[in-house]
Amino acid sequence: MTVRVKLPTHLRRLAGVDGEVRLDLPAEVTTDTVLDALEARHPVLRGTIRDTTTGRRRAFVRYFACEQDLSHEPPGKPLPTRVADGSEPFLVVGAMAGG
């Protein structure tokens, strides 16, 4: 399965990619399998999206797909079918804070 991942500008620059990243995943498509494949292809991203020790999402990073905030879903839960079949991207978004 080919999954499309959209990264925020600063992470695209860090990884040296333009536009979307396309990942071929042989296993079930979950947040963890997508991020594992992304970090394997672009090791410079390790630790920028998830904590390297705990594997937990960084505080100011959010995940979206199919107009849903998936940030608080279990990382092993299957992503929506439209993400798994490549028709919708998995979005990694830098959250905004402040007042």
PDB file of N, CA and C in Angstrom:
ATOM      1  N   MET A   1       0.836  -1.169   0.000  1.00  0.00           N
ATOM      2  CA  MET A   1       0.000   0.000   0.000  1.00  0.00           C
ATOM      3  C   MET A   1       0.890   1.245   0.000  1.00  0.00           C
ATOM      4  N   THR A   2       0.537   2.224  -0.803  1.00  0.00           N
ATOM      5  CA  THR A   2       1.272   3.483  -0.835  1.00  0.00           C
ATOM      6  C   THR A   2       0.491   4.530  -0.064  1.00  0.00           C
ATOM      7  N   VAL A   3       1.122   5.049   0.970  1.00  0.00           N
ATOM      8  CA  VAL A   3       0.520   6.071   1.823  1.00  0.00           C
ATOM      9  C   VAL A   3       1.188   7.401   1.516  1.00  0.00           C
ATOM     10  N   ARG A   4       0.369   8.448   1.431  1.00  0.00           N
ATOM     11  CA  ARG A   4       0.869   9.805   1.202  1.00  0.00           C
ATOM     12  C   ARG A   4       0.953  10.531   2.539  1.00  0.00           C
ATOM     13  N   VAL A   5       2.093  11.170   2.786  1.00  0.00           N
ATOM     14  CA  VAL A   5       2.301  11.916   4.033  1.00  0.00           C
ATOM     15  C   VAL A   5       2.656  13.347   3.685  1.00  0.00           C
ATOM     16  N   LYS A   6       1.946  14.277   4.306  1.00  0.00           N
ATOM     17  CA  LYS A   6       2.263  15.699   4.153  1.00  0.00           C
ATOM     18  C   LYS A   6       2.872  16.183   5.459  1.00  0.00           C
ATOM     19  N   LEU A   7       4.026  16.816   5.329  1.00  0.00           N
ATOM     20  CA  LEU A   7       4.754  17.334   6.481  1.00  0.00           C
ATOM     21  C   LEU A   7       4.719  18.852   6.481  1.00  0.00           C
ATOM     22  N   PRO A   8       4.871  19.473   7.665  1.00  0.00           N
ATOM     23  CA  PRO A   8       4.979  20.933   7.702  1.00  0.00           C
ATOM     24  C   PRO A   8       6.295  21.368   7.039  1.00  0.00           C
ATOM     25  N   THR A   9       6.336  22.598   6.614  1.00  0.00           N
ATOM     26  CA  THR A   9       7.470  23.125   5.862  1.00  0.00           C
ATOM     27  C   THR A   9       8.809  22.867   6.546  1.00  0.00           C
ATOM     28  N   HIS A  10       8.907  23.129   7.832  1.00  0.00           N
ATOM     29  CA  HIS A  10      10.200  22.971   8.504  1.00  0.00           C
ATOM     30  C   HIS A  10      10.682  21.523   8.497  1.00  0.00           C
ATOM     31  N   LEU A  11       9.756  20.556   8.583  1.00  0.00           N
ATOM     32  CA  LEU A  11      10.179  19.154   8.538  1.00  0.00           C
ATOM     33  C   LEU A  11      10.511  18.711   7.112  1.00  0.00           C
ATOM     34  N   ARG A  12       9.811  19.264   6.125  1.00  0.00           N
ATOM     35  CA  ARG A  12      10.168  18.975   4.728  1.00  0.00           C
ATOM     36  C   ARG A  12      11.584  19.471   4.439  1.00  0.00           C
ATOM     37  N   ARG A  13      11.887  20.678   4.898  1.00  0.00           N
ATOM     38  CA  ARG A  13      13.233  21.228   4.691  1.00  0.00           C
ATOM     39  C   ARG A  13      14.290  20.372   5.382  1.00  0.00           C
ATOM     40  N   LEU A  14      14.011  19.994   6.609  1.00  0.00           N
ATOM     41  CA  LEU A  14      14.950  19.171   7.367  1.00  0.00           C
ATOM     42  C   LEU A  14      15.216  17.843   6.652  1.00  0.00           C
ATOM     43  N   ALA A  15      14.152  17.235   6.125  1.00  0.00           N
ATOM     44  CA  ALA A  15      14.273  15.946   5.435  1.00  0.00           C
ATOM     45  C   ALA A  15      14.756  16.094   3.994  1.00  0.00           C
ATOM     46  N   GLY A  16      14.721  17.316   3.483  1.00  0.00           N
ATOM     47  CA  GLY A  16      15.155  17.542   2.101  1.00  0.00           C
ATOM     48  C   GLY A  16      14.163  17.018   1.071  1.00  0.00           C
ATOM     49  N   VAL A  17      12.873  17.160   1.362  1.00  0.00           N
ATOM     50  CA  VAL A  17      11.847  16.697   0.430  1.00  0.00           C
ATOM     51  C   VAL A  17      10.971  17.863  -0.019  1.00  0.00           C
ATOM     52  N   ASP A  18      10.431  17.732  -1.222  1.00  0.00           N
ATOM     53  CA  ASP A  18       9.465  18.695  -1.744  1.00  0.00           C
ATOM     54  C   ASP A  18       8.113  18.008  -1.794  1.00  0.00           C
ATOM     55  N   GLY A  19       7.092  18.681  -1.357  1.00  0.00           N
ATOM     56  CA  GLY A  19       5.738  18.122  -1.448  1.00  0.00           C
ATOM     57  C   GLY A  19       5.535  16.936  -0.525  1.00  0.00           C
ATOM     58  N   GLU A  20       4.713  16.012  -0.987  1.00  0.00           N
ATOM     59  CA  GLU A  20       4.346  14.840  -0.191  1.00  0.00           C
ATOM     60  C   GLU A  20       5.465  13.795  -0.197  1.00  0.00           C
ATOM     61  N   VAL A  21       5.456  12.993   0.848  1.00  0.00           N
ATOM     62  CA  VAL A  21       6.314  11.815   0.907  1.00  0.00           C
ATOM     63  C   VAL A  21       5.392  10.621   0.662  1.00  0.00           C
ATOM     64  N   ARG A  22       5.787   9.738  -0.234  1.00  0.00           N
ATOM     65  CA  ARG A  22       5.021   8.520  -0.512  1.00  0.00           C
ATOM     66  C   ARG A  22       5.768   7.340   0.076  1.00  0.00           C
ATOM     67  N   LEU A  23       5.050   6.564   0.870  1.00  0.00           N
ATOM     68  CA  LEU A  23       5.649   5.426   1.563  1.00  0.00           C
ATOM     69  C   LEU A  23       4.913   4.150   1.198  1.00  0.00           C
ATOM     70  N   ASP A  24       5.656   3.111   0.879  1.00  0.00           N
ATOM     71  CA  ASP A  24       5.064   1.798   0.639  1.00  0.00           C
ATOM     72  C   ASP A  24       5.086   1.024   1.943  1.00  0.00           C
ATOM     73  N   LEU A  25       3.901   0.643   2.397  1.00  0.00           N
ATOM     74  CA  LEU A  25       3.785  -0.082   3.660  1.00  0.00           C
ATOM     75  C   LEU A  25       3.228  -1.479   3.405  1.00  0.00           C
ATOM     76  N   PRO A  26       3.982  -2.504   3.760  1.00  0.00           N
ATOM     77  CA  PRO A  26       3.490  -3.864   3.559  1.00  0.00           C
ATOM     78  C   PRO A  26       2.527  -4.303   4.661  1.00  0.00           C
ATOM     79  N   ALA A  27       2.603  -3.639   5.811  1.00  0.00           N
ATOM     80  CA  ALA A  27       1.807  -4.045   6.966  1.00  0.00           C
ATOM     81  C   ALA A  27       0.555  -3.195   7.097  1.00  0.00           C
ATOM     82  N   GLU A  28      -0.163  -3.429   8.178  1.00  0.00           N
ATOM     83  CA  GLU A  28      -1.343  -2.637   8.490  1.00  0.00           C
ATOM     84  C   GLU A  28      -0.950  -1.165   8.607  1.00  0.00           C
ATOM     85  N   VAL A  29      -1.787  -0.270   8.106  1.00  0.00           N
ATOM     86  CA  VAL A  29      -1.486   1.154   8.103  1.00  0.00           C
ATOM     87  C   VAL A  29      -2.006   1.788   9.390  1.00  0.00           C
ATOM     88  N   THR A  30      -1.057   2.110  10.266  1.00  0.00           N
ATOM     89  CA  THR A  30      -1.356   2.772  11.534  1.00  0.00           C
ATOM     90  C   THR A  30      -0.451   3.994  11.637  1.00  0.00           C
ATOM     91  N   THR A  31      -0.711   4.828  12.615  1.00  0.00           N
ATOM     92  CA  THR A  31       0.177   5.977  12.837  1.00  0.00           C
ATOM     93  C   THR A  31       1.607   5.496  13.060  1.00  0.00           C
ATOM     94  N   ASP A  32       1.769   4.455  13.867  1.00  0.00           N
ATOM     95  CA  ASP A  32       3.114   3.945  14.132  1.00  0.00           C
ATOM     96  C   ASP A  32       3.803   3.406  12.883  1.00  0.00           C
ATOM     97  N   THR A  33       3.100   2.637  12.060  1.00  0.00           N
ATOM     98  CA  THR A  33       3.761   2.072  10.875  1.00  0.00           C
ATOM     99  C   THR A  33       4.109   3.165   9.870  1.00  0.00           C
ATOM    100  N   VAL A  34       3.260   4.188   9.769  1.00  0.00           N
ATOM    101  CA  VAL A  34       3.560   5.307   8.870  1.00  0.00           C
ATOM    102  C   VAL A  34       4.788   6.059   9.367  1.00  0.00           C
ATOM    103  N   LEU A  35       4.816   6.389  10.646  1.00  0.00           N
ATOM    104  CA  LEU A  35       5.942   7.143  11.190  1.00  0.00           C
ATOM    105  C   LEU A  35       7.226   6.318  11.229  1.00  0.00           C
ATOM    106  N   ASP A  36       7.109   5.013  11.478  1.00  0.00           N
ATOM    107  CA  ASP A  36       8.297   4.148  11.424  1.00  0.00           C
ATOM    108  C   ASP A  36       8.906   4.173  10.024  1.00  0.00           C
ATOM    109  N   ALA A  37       8.067   4.046   9.002  1.00  0.00           N
ATOM    110  CA  ALA A  37       8.550   4.064   7.613  1.00  0.00           C
ATOM    111  C   ALA A  37       9.122   5.425   7.244  1.00  0.00           C
ATOM    112  N   LEU A  38       8.473   6.497   7.699  1.00  0.00           N
ATOM    113  CA  LEU A  38       8.952   7.849   7.424  1.00  0.00           C
ATOM    114  C   LEU A  38      10.336   8.066   8.048  1.00  0.00           C
ATOM    115  N   GLU A  39      10.500   7.656   9.309  1.00  0.00           N
ATOM    116  CA  GLU A  39      11.777   7.829   9.995  1.00  0.00           C
ATOM    117  C   GLU A  39      12.856   6.913   9.424  1.00  0.00           C
ATOM    118  N   ALA A  40      12.470   5.753   8.923  1.00  0.00           N
ATOM    119  CA  ALA A  40      13.452   4.856   8.298  1.00  0.00           C
ATOM    120  C   ALA A  40      13.979   5.466   6.999  1.00  0.00           C
ATOM    121  N   ARG A  41      13.094   6.089   6.228  1.00  0.00           N
ATOM    122  CA  ARG A  41      13.518   6.710   4.971  1.00  0.00           C
ATOM    123  C   ARG A  41      14.258   8.016   5.205  1.00  0.00           C
ATOM    124  N   HIS A  42      13.835   8.761   6.220  1.00  0.00           N
ATOM    125  CA  HIS A  42      14.438  10.069   6.535  1.00  0.00           C
ATOM    126  C   HIS A  42      14.867  10.070   8.008  1.00  0.00           C
ATOM    127  N   PRO A  43      15.998   9.436   8.324  1.00  0.00           N
ATOM    128  CA  PRO A  43      16.432   9.321   9.724  1.00  0.00           C
ATOM    129  C   PRO A  43      16.585  10.653  10.447  1.00  0.00           C
ATOM    130  N   VAL A  44      16.808  11.728   9.710  1.00  0.00           N
ATOM    131  CA  VAL A  44      16.945  13.041  10.322  1.00  0.00           C
ATOM    132  C   VAL A  44      15.653  13.462  11.045  1.00  0.00           C
ATOM    133  N   LEU A  45      14.539  12.841  10.718  1.00  0.00           N
ATOM    134  CA  LEU A  45      13.267  13.179  11.352  1.00  0.00           C
ATOM    135  C   LEU A  45      13.060  12.466  12.688  1.00  0.00           C
ATOM    136  N   ARG A  46      13.906  11.490  13.009  1.00  0.00           N
ATOM    137  CA  ARG A  46      13.760  10.786  14.288  1.00  0.00           C
ATOM    138  C   ARG A  46      13.857  11.778  15.434  1.00  0.00           C
ATOM    139  N   GLY A  47      12.865  11.736  16.299  1.00  0.00           N
ATOM    140  CA  GLY A  47      12.839  12.626  17.446  1.00  0.00           C
ATOM    141  C   GLY A  47      12.145  13.946  17.206  1.00  0.00           C
ATOM    142  N   THR A  48      11.811  14.256  15.961  1.00  0.00           N
ATOM    143  CA  THR A  48      11.141  15.531  15.684  1.00  0.00           C
ATOM    144  C   THR A  48       9.624  15.421  15.786  1.00  0.00           C
ATOM    145  N   ILE A  49       9.085  14.253  15.508  1.00  0.00           N
ATOM    146  CA  ILE A  49       7.632  14.046  15.520  1.00  0.00           C
ATOM    147  C   ILE A  49       7.227  13.282  16.775  1.00  0.00           C
ATOM    148  N   ARG A  50       8.038  12.289  17.119  1.00  0.00           N
ATOM    149  CA  ARG A  50       7.794  11.468  18.309  1.00  0.00           C
ATOM    150  C   ARG A  50       9.039  11.465  19.176  1.00  0.00           C
ATOM    151  N   ASP A  51       8.831  11.320  20.473  1.00  0.00           N
ATOM    152  CA  ASP A  51       9.944  11.169  21.402  1.00  0.00           C
ATOM    153  C   ASP A  51      10.642   9.842  21.102  1.00  0.00           C
ATOM    154  N   THR A  52      11.964   9.858  21.007  1.00  0.00           N
ATOM    155  CA  THR A  52      12.698   8.643  20.646  1.00  0.00           C
ATOM    156  C   THR A  52      12.679   7.580  21.736  1.00  0.00           C
ATOM    157  N   THR A  53      12.494   7.974  22.977  1.00  0.00           N
ATOM    158  CA  THR A  53      12.469   7.005  24.070  1.00  0.00           C
ATOM    159  C   THR A  53      11.083   6.406  24.267  1.00  0.00           C
ATOM    160  N   THR A  54      10.073   7.264  24.333  1.00  0.00           N
ATOM    161  CA  THR A  54       8.719   6.782  24.632  1.00  0.00           C
ATOM    162  C   THR A  54       7.891   6.492  23.383  1.00  0.00           C
ATOM    163  N   GLY A  55       8.254   7.086  22.261  1.00  0.00           N
ATOM    164  CA  GLY A  55       7.464   6.925  21.037  1.00  0.00           C
ATOM    165  C   GLY A  55       6.212   7.783  21.016  1.00  0.00           C
ATOM    166  N   ARG A  56       6.032   8.616  22.039  1.00  0.00           N
ATOM    167  CA  ARG A  56       4.837   9.458  22.115  1.00  0.00           C
ATOM    168  C   ARG A  56       4.984  10.694  21.241  1.00  0.00           C
ATOM    169  N   ARG A  57       3.859  11.144  20.736  1.00  0.00           N
ATOM    170  CA  ARG A  57       3.795  12.344  19.898  1.00  0.00           C
ATOM    171  C   ARG A  57       4.347  13.538  20.661  1.00  0.00           C
ATOM    172  N   ARG A  58       5.128  14.361  19.972  1.00  0.00           N
ATOM    173  CA  ARG A  58       5.648  15.589  20.579  1.00  0.00           C
ATOM    174  C   ARG A  58       4.490  16.543  20.887  1.00  0.00           C
ATOM    175  N   ALA A  59       4.667  17.396  21.870  1.00  0.00           N
ATOM    176  CA  ALA A  59       3.595  18.255  22.378  1.00  0.00           C
ATOM    177  C   ALA A  59       2.960  19.149  21.311  1.00  0.00           C
ATOM    178  N   PHE A  60       3.726  19.712  20.420  1.00  0.00           N
ATOM    179  CA  PHE A  60       3.161  20.648  19.456  1.00  0.00           C
ATOM    180  C   PHE A  60       3.056  20.054  18.061  1.00  0.00           C
ATOM    181  N   VAL A  61       2.807  18.755  18.004  1.00  0.00           N
ATOM    182  CA  VAL A  61       2.599  18.057  16.739  1.00  0.00           C
ATOM    183  C   VAL A  61       1.227  17.411  16.774  1.00  0.00           C
ATOM    184  N   ARG A  62       0.521  17.515  15.674  1.00  0.00           N
ATOM    185  CA  ARG A  62      -0.824  16.905  15.565  1.00  0.00           C
ATOM    186  C   ARG A  62      -0.858  16.050  14.306  1.00  0.00           C
ATOM    187  N   TYR A  63      -1.765  15.047  14.307  1.00  0.00           N
ATOM    188  CA  TYR A  63      -1.975  14.184  13.147  1.00  0.00           C
ATOM    189  C   TYR A  63      -3.419  14.342  12.680  1.00  0.00           C
ATOM    190  N   PHE A  64      -3.589  14.477  11.373  1.00  0.00           N
ATOM    191  CA  PHE A  64      -4.917  14.592  10.788  1.00  0.00           C
ATOM    192  C   PHE A  64      -5.024  13.695   9.565  1.00  0.00           C
ATOM    193  N   ALA A  65      -6.245  13.249   9.291  1.00  0.00           N
ATOM    194  CA  ALA A  65      -6.545  12.519   8.059  1.00  0.00           C
ATOM    195  C   ALA A  65      -8.056  12.529   7.882  1.00  0.00           C
ATOM    196  N   CYS A  66      -8.485  12.659   6.660  1.00  0.00           N
ATOM    197  CA  CYS A  66      -9.915  12.614   6.341  1.00  0.00           C
ATOM    198  C   CYS A  66     -10.719  13.585   7.208  1.00  0.00           C
ATOM    199  N   GLU A  67     -10.152  14.789   7.403  1.00  0.00           N
ATOM    200  CA  GLU A  67     -10.791  15.851   8.187  1.00  0.00           C
ATOM    201  C   GLU A  67     -11.027  15.462   9.642  1.00  0.00           C
ATOM    202  N   GLN A  68     -10.212  14.560  10.162  1.00  0.00           N
ATOM    203  CA  GLN A  68     -10.319  14.123  11.550  1.00  0.00           C
ATOM    204  C   GLN A  68      -8.985  14.350  12.258  1.00  0.00           C
ATOM    205  N   ASP A  69      -9.063  14.803  13.500  1.00  0.00           N
ATOM    206  CA  ASP A  69      -7.872  14.925  14.333  1.00  0.00           C
ATOM    207  C   ASP A  69      -7.601  13.542  14.925  1.00  0.00           C
ATOM    208  N   LEU A  70      -6.497  12.939  14.545  1.00  0.00           N
ATOM    209  CA  LEU A  70      -6.135  11.604  15.006  1.00  0.00           C
ATOM    210  C   LEU A  70      -5.050  11.633  16.075  1.00  0.00           C
ATOM    211  N   SER A  71      -4.751  12.808  16.573  1.00  0.00           N
ATOM    212  CA  SER A  71      -3.635  12.991  17.498  1.00  0.00           C
ATOM    213  C   SER A  71      -3.757  12.190  18.784  1.00  0.00           C
ATOM    214  N   HIS A  72      -4.958  11.965  19.250  1.00  0.00           N
ATOM    215  CA  HIS A  72      -5.142  11.265  20.527  1.00  0.00           C
ATOM    216  C   HIS A  72      -5.599   9.822  20.345  1.00  0.00           C
ATOM    217  N   GLU A  73      -5.625   9.353  19.103  1.00  0.00           N
ATOM    218  CA  GLU A  73      -5.976   7.957  18.836  1.00  0.00           C
ATOM    219  C   GLU A  73      -4.792   7.070  19.222  1.00  0.00           C
ATOM    220  N   PRO A  74      -5.036   5.830  19.619  1.00  0.00           N
ATOM    221  CA  PRO A  74      -3.920   4.924  19.897  1.00  0.00           C
ATOM    222  C   PRO A  74      -3.040   4.769  18.655  1.00  0.00           C
ATOM    223  N   PRO A  75      -1.716   4.817  18.806  1.00  0.00           N
ATOM    224  CA  PRO A  75      -0.826   4.774  17.646  1.00  0.00           C
ATOM    225  C   PRO A  75      -0.881   3.475  16.852  1.00  0.00           C
ATOM    226  N   GLY A  76      -1.445   2.414  17.431  1.00  0.00           N
ATOM    227  CA  GLY A  76      -1.569   1.141  16.733  1.00  0.00           C
ATOM    228  C   GLY A  76      -2.924   0.924  16.080  1.00  0.00           C
ATOM    229  N   LYS A  77      -3.814   1.917  16.213  1.00  0.00           N
ATOM    230  CA  LYS A  77      -5.153   1.806  15.614  1.00  0.00           C
ATOM    231  C   LYS A  77      -5.053   2.017  14.102  1.00  0.00           C
ATOM    232  N   PRO A  78      -5.720   1.178  13.310  1.00  0.00           N
ATOM    233  CA  PRO A  78      -5.663   1.361  11.857  1.00  0.00           C
ATOM    234  C   PRO A  78      -6.159   2.749  11.439  1.00  0.00           C
ATOM    235  N   LEU A  79      -5.444   3.347  10.483  1.00  0.00           N
ATOM    236  CA  LEU A  79      -5.855   4.643   9.938  1.00  0.00           C
ATOM    237  C   LEU A  79      -7.023   4.440   8.985  1.00  0.00           C
ATOM    238  N   PRO A  80      -7.771   5.499   8.676  1.00  0.00           N
ATOM    239  CA  PRO A  80      -8.909   5.365   7.763  1.00  0.00           C
ATOM    240  C   PRO A  80      -8.504   4.720   6.434  1.00  0.00           C
ATOM    241  N   THR A  81      -9.415   3.984   5.859  1.00  0.00           N
ATOM    242  CA  THR A  81      -9.177   3.274   4.600  1.00  0.00           C
ATOM    243  C   THR A  81      -8.671   4.200   3.508  1.00  0.00           C
ATOM    244  N   ARG A  82      -9.192   5.414   3.450  1.00  0.00           N
ATOM    245  CA  ARG A  82      -8.773   6.361   2.406  1.00  0.00           C
ATOM    246  C   ARG A  82      -7.302   6.768   2.547  1.00  0.00           C
ATOM    247  N   VAL A  83      -6.757   6.697   3.743  1.00  0.00           N
ATOM    248  CA  VAL A  83      -5.322   6.940   3.940  1.00  0.00           C
ATOM    249  C   VAL A  83      -4.558   5.699   3.486  1.00  0.00           C
ATOM    250  N   ALA A  84      -5.028   4.535   3.894  1.00  0.00           N
ATOM    251  CA  ALA A  84      -4.353   3.281   3.549  1.00  0.00           C
ATOM    252  C   ALA A  84      -4.301   3.048   2.041  1.00  0.00           C
ATOM    253  N   ASP A  85      -5.339   3.480   1.316  1.00  0.00           N
ATOM    254  CA  ASP A  85      -5.336   3.258  -0.140  1.00  0.00           C
ATOM    255  C   ASP A  85      -4.707   4.422  -0.917  1.00  0.00           C
ATOM    256  N   GLY A  86      -4.242   5.438  -0.200  1.00  0.00           N
ATOM    257  CA  GLY A  86      -3.538   6.544  -0.838  1.00  0.00           C
ATOM    258  C   GLY A  86      -4.414   7.639  -1.410  1.00  0.00           C
ATOM    259  N   SER A  87      -5.723   7.536  -1.230  1.00  0.00           N
ATOM    260  CA  SER A  87      -6.597   8.573  -1.791  1.00  0.00           C
ATOM    261  C   SER A  87      -6.639   9.836  -0.931  1.00  0.00           C
ATOM    262  N   GLU A  88      -6.291   9.714   0.348  1.00  0.00           N
ATOM    263  CA  GLU A  88      -6.208  10.867   1.248  1.00  0.00           C
ATOM    264  C   GLU A  88      -4.842  10.834   1.934  1.00  0.00           C
ATOM    265  N   PRO A  89      -4.227  11.986   2.178  1.00  0.00           N
ATOM    266  CA  PRO A  89      -2.923  11.998   2.854  1.00  0.00           C
ATOM    267  C   PRO A  89      -3.053  11.916   4.371  1.00  0.00           C
ATOM    268  N   PHE A  90      -1.989  11.472   4.989  1.00  0.00           N
ATOM    269  CA  PHE A  90      -1.819  11.541   6.437  1.00  0.00           C
ATOM    270  C   PHE A  90      -1.060  12.838   6.678  1.00  0.00           C
ATOM    271  N   LEU A  91      -1.610  13.728   7.491  1.00  0.00           N
ATOM    272  CA  LEU A  91      -1.018  15.049   7.712  1.00  0.00           C
ATOM    273  C   LEU A  91      -0.333  15.116   9.068  1.00  0.00           C
ATOM    274  N   VAL A  92       0.901  15.545   9.070  1.00  0.00           N
ATOM    275  CA  VAL A  92       1.622  15.865  10.303  1.00  0.00           C
ATOM    276  C   VAL A  92       1.646  17.386  10.354  1.00  0.00           C
ATOM    277  N   VAL A  93       1.061  17.950  11.398  1.00  0.00           N
ATOM    278  CA  VAL A  93       0.865  19.399  11.468  1.00  0.00           C
ATOM    279  C   VAL A  93       1.492  19.938  12.747  1.00  0.00           C
ATOM    280  N   GLY A  94       2.185  21.049  12.629  1.00  0.00           N
ATOM    281  CA  GLY A  94       2.703  21.745  13.797  1.00  0.00           C
ATOM    282  C   GLY A  94       1.579  22.536  14.432  1.00  0.00           C
ATOM    283  N   ALA A  95       1.259  22.219  15.695  1.00  0.00           N
ATOM    284  CA  ALA A  95       0.165  22.897  16.392  1.00  0.00           C
ATOM    285  C   ALA A  95       0.571  24.326  16.737  1.00  0.00           C
ATOM    286  N   MET A  96      -0.419  25.193  16.805  1.00  0.00           N
ATOM    287  CA  MET A  96      -0.175  26.583  17.184  1.00  0.00           C
ATOM    288  C   MET A  96      -0.597  26.771  18.635  1.00  0.00           C
ATOM    289  N   ALA A  97       0.124  27.604  19.330  1.00  0.00           N
ATOM    290  CA  ALA A  97      -0.191  27.891  20.719  1.00  0.00           C
ATOM    291  C   ALA A  97      -0.083  29.393  20.944  1.00  0.00           C
ATOM    292  N   GLY A  98      -0.676  29.819  21.986  1.00  0.00           N
ATOM    293  CA  GLY A  98      -0.588  31.235  22.313  1.00  0.00           C
ATOM    294  C   GLY A  98      -1.959  31.827  22.502  1.00  0.00           C
ATOM    295  N   GLY A  99      -1.987  33.116  22.659  1.00  0.00           N
ATOM    296  CA  GLY A  99      -3.271  33.729  22.931  1.00  0.00           C
ATOM    297  C   GLY A  99      -3.469  35.010  22.192  1.00  0.00           C
TER     298      GLY A  99
END
